[in-house]
Amino acid sequence: MTQPQPDDHPPVFRTWNQVYGFVLLLHVLIISLFYLLTQSYT
């Protein structure tokens, strides 16, 4: 008898790799924004 596999798909994207890529991209964008703001006000 086999046990059913849990449905571990992420809620928004199709794969967890897409979620990780989105988080990484968002992280880079936020760091870039902070860098540009720092350069413009110093």
PDB file of N, CA and C in Angstrom:
ATOM      1  N   MET A   1       0.848  -1.180   0.000  1.00  0.00           N
ATOM      2  CA  MET A   1       0.000   0.000   0.000  1.00  0.00           C
ATOM      3  C   MET A   1       0.894   1.244   0.000  1.00  0.00           C
ATOM      4  N   THR A   2       0.648   2.151  -0.913  1.00  0.00           N
ATOM      5  CA  THR A   2       1.453   3.375  -0.998  1.00  0.00           C
ATOM      6  C   THR A   2       0.728   4.524  -0.331  1.00  0.00           C
ATOM      7  N   GLN A   3       1.507   5.394   0.256  1.00  0.00           N
ATOM      8  CA  GLN A   3       0.938   6.576   0.894  1.00  0.00           C
ATOM      9  C   GLN A   3       0.817   7.688  -0.131  1.00  0.00           C
ATOM     10  N   PRO A   4      -0.230   8.494  -0.058  1.00  0.00           N
ATOM     11  CA  PRO A   4      -0.362   9.603  -1.015  1.00  0.00           C
ATOM     12  C   PRO A   4       0.723  10.653  -0.776  1.00  0.00           C
ATOM     13  N   GLN A   5       1.229  11.191  -1.861  1.00  0.00           N
ATOM     14  CA  GLN A   5       2.251  12.225  -1.780  1.00  0.00           C
ATOM     15  C   GLN A   5       1.598  13.551  -1.395  1.00  0.00           C
ATOM     16  N   PRO A   6       2.241  14.286  -0.481  1.00  0.00           N
ATOM     17  CA  PRO A   6       1.668  15.598  -0.140  1.00  0.00           C
ATOM     18  C   PRO A   6       1.792  16.571  -1.305  1.00  0.00           C
ATOM     19  N   ASP A   7       0.809  17.399  -1.461  1.00  0.00           N
ATOM     20  CA  ASP A   7       0.816  18.403  -2.523  1.00  0.00           C
ATOM     21  C   ASP A   7       1.624  19.598  -2.038  1.00  0.00           C
ATOM     22  N   ASP A   8       2.912  19.637  -2.390  1.00  0.00           N
ATOM     23  CA  ASP A   8       3.795  20.675  -1.865  1.00  0.00           C
ATOM     24  C   ASP A   8       4.131  21.723  -2.914  1.00  0.00           C
ATOM     25  N   HIS A   9       3.159  22.054  -3.753  1.00  0.00           N
ATOM     26  CA  HIS A   9       3.363  23.123  -4.722  1.00  0.00           C
ATOM     27  C   HIS A   9       3.222  24.470  -4.027  1.00  0.00           C
ATOM     28  N   PRO A  10       4.031  25.446  -4.448  1.00  0.00           N
ATOM     29  CA  PRO A  10       3.889  26.776  -3.851  1.00  0.00           C
ATOM     30  C   PRO A  10       2.553  27.395  -4.251  1.00  0.00           C
ATOM     31  N   PRO A  11       2.043  28.318  -3.440  1.00  0.00           N
ATOM     32  CA  PRO A  11       0.705  28.856  -3.707  1.00  0.00           C
ATOM     33  C   PRO A  11       0.609  29.772  -4.923  1.00  0.00           C
ATOM     34  N   VAL A  12       1.701  30.440  -5.326  1.00  0.00           N
ATOM     35  CA  VAL A  12       1.611  31.418  -6.413  1.00  0.00           C
ATOM     36  C   VAL A  12       2.305  30.918  -7.672  1.00  0.00           C
ATOM     37  N   PHE A  13       3.525  30.452  -7.563  1.00  0.00           N
ATOM     38  CA  PHE A  13       4.303  30.013  -8.719  1.00  0.00           C
ATOM     39  C   PHE A  13       4.135  28.520  -8.945  1.00  0.00           C
ATOM     40  N   ARG A  14       4.653  28.039 -10.067  1.00  0.00           N
ATOM     41  CA  ARG A  14       4.504  26.613 -10.387  1.00  0.00           C
ATOM     42  C   ARG A  14       5.515  25.743  -9.657  1.00  0.00           C
ATOM     43  N   THR A  15       6.738  26.270  -9.456  1.00  0.00           N
ATOM     44  CA  THR A  15       7.773  25.494  -8.793  1.00  0.00           C
ATOM     45  C   THR A  15       8.423  26.326  -7.699  1.00  0.00           C
ATOM     46  N   TRP A  16       9.086  25.641  -6.781  1.00  0.00           N
ATOM     47  CA  TRP A  16       9.795  26.350  -5.718  1.00  0.00           C
ATOM     48  C   TRP A  16      10.981  27.115  -6.277  1.00  0.00           C
ATOM     49  N   ASN A  17      11.590  26.651  -7.362  1.00  0.00           N
ATOM     50  CA  ASN A  17      12.702  27.383  -7.972  1.00  0.00           C
ATOM     51  C   ASN A  17      12.259  28.755  -8.469  1.00  0.00           C
ATOM     52  N   GLN A  18      11.042  28.861  -8.963  1.00  0.00           N
ATOM     53  CA  GLN A  18      10.519  30.160  -9.389  1.00  0.00           C
ATOM     54  C   GLN A  18      10.314  31.083  -8.192  1.00  0.00           C
ATOM     55  N   VAL A  19       9.893  30.533  -7.078  1.00  0.00           N
ATOM     56  CA  VAL A  19       9.736  31.337  -5.864  1.00  0.00           C
ATOM     57  C   VAL A  19      11.098  31.857  -5.423  1.00  0.00           C
ATOM     58  N   TYR A  20      12.106  30.987  -5.397  1.00  0.00           N
ATOM     59  CA  TYR A  20      13.452  31.389  -4.991  1.00  0.00           C
ATOM     60  C   TYR A  20      14.017  32.436  -5.942  1.00  0.00           C
ATOM     61  N   GLY A  21      13.786  32.272  -7.229  1.00  0.00           N
ATOM     62  CA  GLY A  21      14.247  33.262  -8.200  1.00  0.00           C
ATOM     63  C   GLY A  21      13.583  34.612  -8.002  1.00  0.00           C
ATOM     64  N   PHE A  22      12.298  34.604  -7.714  1.00  0.00           N
ATOM     65  CA  PHE A  22      11.576  35.854  -7.465  1.00  0.00           C
ATOM     66  C   PHE A  22      12.108  36.550  -6.221  1.00  0.00           C
ATOM     67  N   VAL A  23      12.345  35.798  -5.170  1.00  0.00           N
ATOM     68  CA  VAL A  23      12.876  36.373  -3.929  1.00  0.00           C
ATOM     69  C   VAL A  23      14.270  36.943  -4.167  1.00  0.00           C
ATOM     70  N   LEU A  24      15.092  36.236  -4.909  1.00  0.00           N
ATOM     71  CA  LEU A  24      16.436  36.723  -5.215  1.00  0.00           C
ATOM     72  C   LEU A  24      16.377  38.000  -6.046  1.00  0.00           C
ATOM     73  N   LEU A  25      15.519  38.033  -7.046  1.00  0.00           N
ATOM     74  CA  LEU A  25      15.362  39.225  -7.875  1.00  0.00           C
ATOM     75  C   LEU A  25      14.849  40.406  -7.052  1.00  0.00           C
ATOM     76  N   LEU A  26      13.891  40.169  -6.201  1.00  0.00           N
ATOM     77  CA  LEU A  26      13.363  41.224  -5.340  1.00  0.00           C
ATOM     78  C   LEU A  26      14.447  41.749  -4.399  1.00  0.00           C
ATOM     79  N   HIS A  27      15.264  40.864  -3.892  1.00  0.00           N
ATOM     80  CA  HIS A  27      16.367  41.245  -3.012  1.00  0.00           C
ATOM     81  C   HIS A  27      17.350  42.155  -3.743  1.00  0.00           C
ATOM     82  N   VAL A  28      17.700  41.794  -4.966  1.00  0.00           N
ATOM     83  CA  VAL A  28      18.618  42.610  -5.773  1.00  0.00           C
ATOM     84  C   VAL A  28      18.009  43.974  -6.075  1.00  0.00           C
ATOM     85  N   LEU A  29      16.729  44.017  -6.402  1.00  0.00           N
ATOM     86  CA  LEU A  29      16.067  45.291  -6.684  1.00  0.00           C
ATOM     87  C   LEU A  29      16.042  46.207  -5.463  1.00  0.00           C
ATOM     88  N   ILE A  30      15.769  45.654  -4.309  1.00  0.00           N
ATOM     89  CA  ILE A  30      15.722  46.468  -3.088  1.00  0.00           C
ATOM     90  C   ILE A  30      17.108  46.997  -2.741  1.00  0.00           C
ATOM     91  N   ILE A  31      18.122  46.155  -2.849  1.00  0.00           N
ATOM     92  CA  ILE A  31      19.490  46.608  -2.573  1.00  0.00           C
ATOM     93  C   ILE A  31      19.894  47.697  -3.558  1.00  0.00           C
ATOM     94  N   SER A  32      19.550  47.530  -4.831  1.00  0.00           N
ATOM     95  CA  SER A  32      19.877  48.545  -5.833  1.00  0.00           C
ATOM     96  C   SER A  32      19.167  49.861  -5.538  1.00  0.00           C
ATOM     97  N   LEU A  33      17.911  49.787  -5.145  1.00  0.00           N
ATOM     98  CA  LEU A  33      17.161  50.992  -4.798  1.00  0.00           C
ATOM     99  C   LEU A  33      17.803  51.707  -3.608  1.00  0.00           C
ATOM    100  N   PHE A  34      18.160  50.970  -2.579  1.00  0.00           N
ATOM    101  CA  PHE A  34      18.818  51.582  -1.425  1.00  0.00           C
ATOM    102  C   PHE A  34      20.158  52.190  -1.807  1.00  0.00           C
ATOM    103  N   TYR A  35      20.894  51.518  -2.681  1.00  0.00           N
ATOM    104  CA  TYR A  35      22.184  52.047  -3.130  1.00  0.00           C
ATOM    105  C   TYR A  35      21.987  53.370  -3.878  1.00  0.00           C
ATOM    106  N   LEU A  36      21.020  53.399  -4.796  1.00  0.00           N
ATOM    107  CA  LEU A  36      20.768  54.624  -5.567  1.00  0.00           C
ATOM    108  C   LEU A  36      20.289  55.767  -4.669  1.00  0.00           C
ATOM    109  N   LEU A  37      19.453  55.461  -3.707  1.00  0.00           N
ATOM    110  CA  LEU A  37      18.994  56.479  -2.773  1.00  0.00           C
ATOM    111  C   LEU A  37      20.146  57.008  -1.923  1.00  0.00           C
ATOM    112  N   THR A  38      21.035  56.132  -1.510  1.00  0.00           N
ATOM    113  CA  THR A  38      22.187  56.553  -0.730  1.00  0.00           C
ATOM    114  C   THR A  38      23.109  57.449  -1.550  1.00  0.00           C
ATOM    115  N   GLN A  39      23.319  57.077  -2.810  1.00  0.00           N
ATOM    116  CA  GLN A  39      24.205  57.881  -3.661  1.00  0.00           C
ATOM    117  C   GLN A  39      23.600  59.251  -3.970  1.00  0.00           C
ATOM    118  N   SER A  40      22.308  59.338  -4.083  1.00  0.00           N
ATOM    119  CA  SER A  40      21.693  60.610  -4.454  1.00  0.00           C
ATOM    120  C   SER A  40      21.557  61.572  -3.267  1.00  0.00           C
ATOM    121  N   TYR A  41      21.575  61.071  -2.038  1.00  0.00           N
ATOM    122  CA  TYR A  41      21.407  61.938  -0.885  1.00  0.00           C
ATOM    123  C   TYR A  41      22.673  62.098  -0.033  1.00  0.00           C
ATOM    124  N   THR A  42      23.809  61.673  -0.541  1.00  0.00           N
ATOM    125  CA  THR A  42      25.059  61.882   0.206  1.00  0.00           C
ATOM    126  C   THR A  42      25.993  62.792  -0.549  1.00  0.00           C
TER     127      THR A  42
END
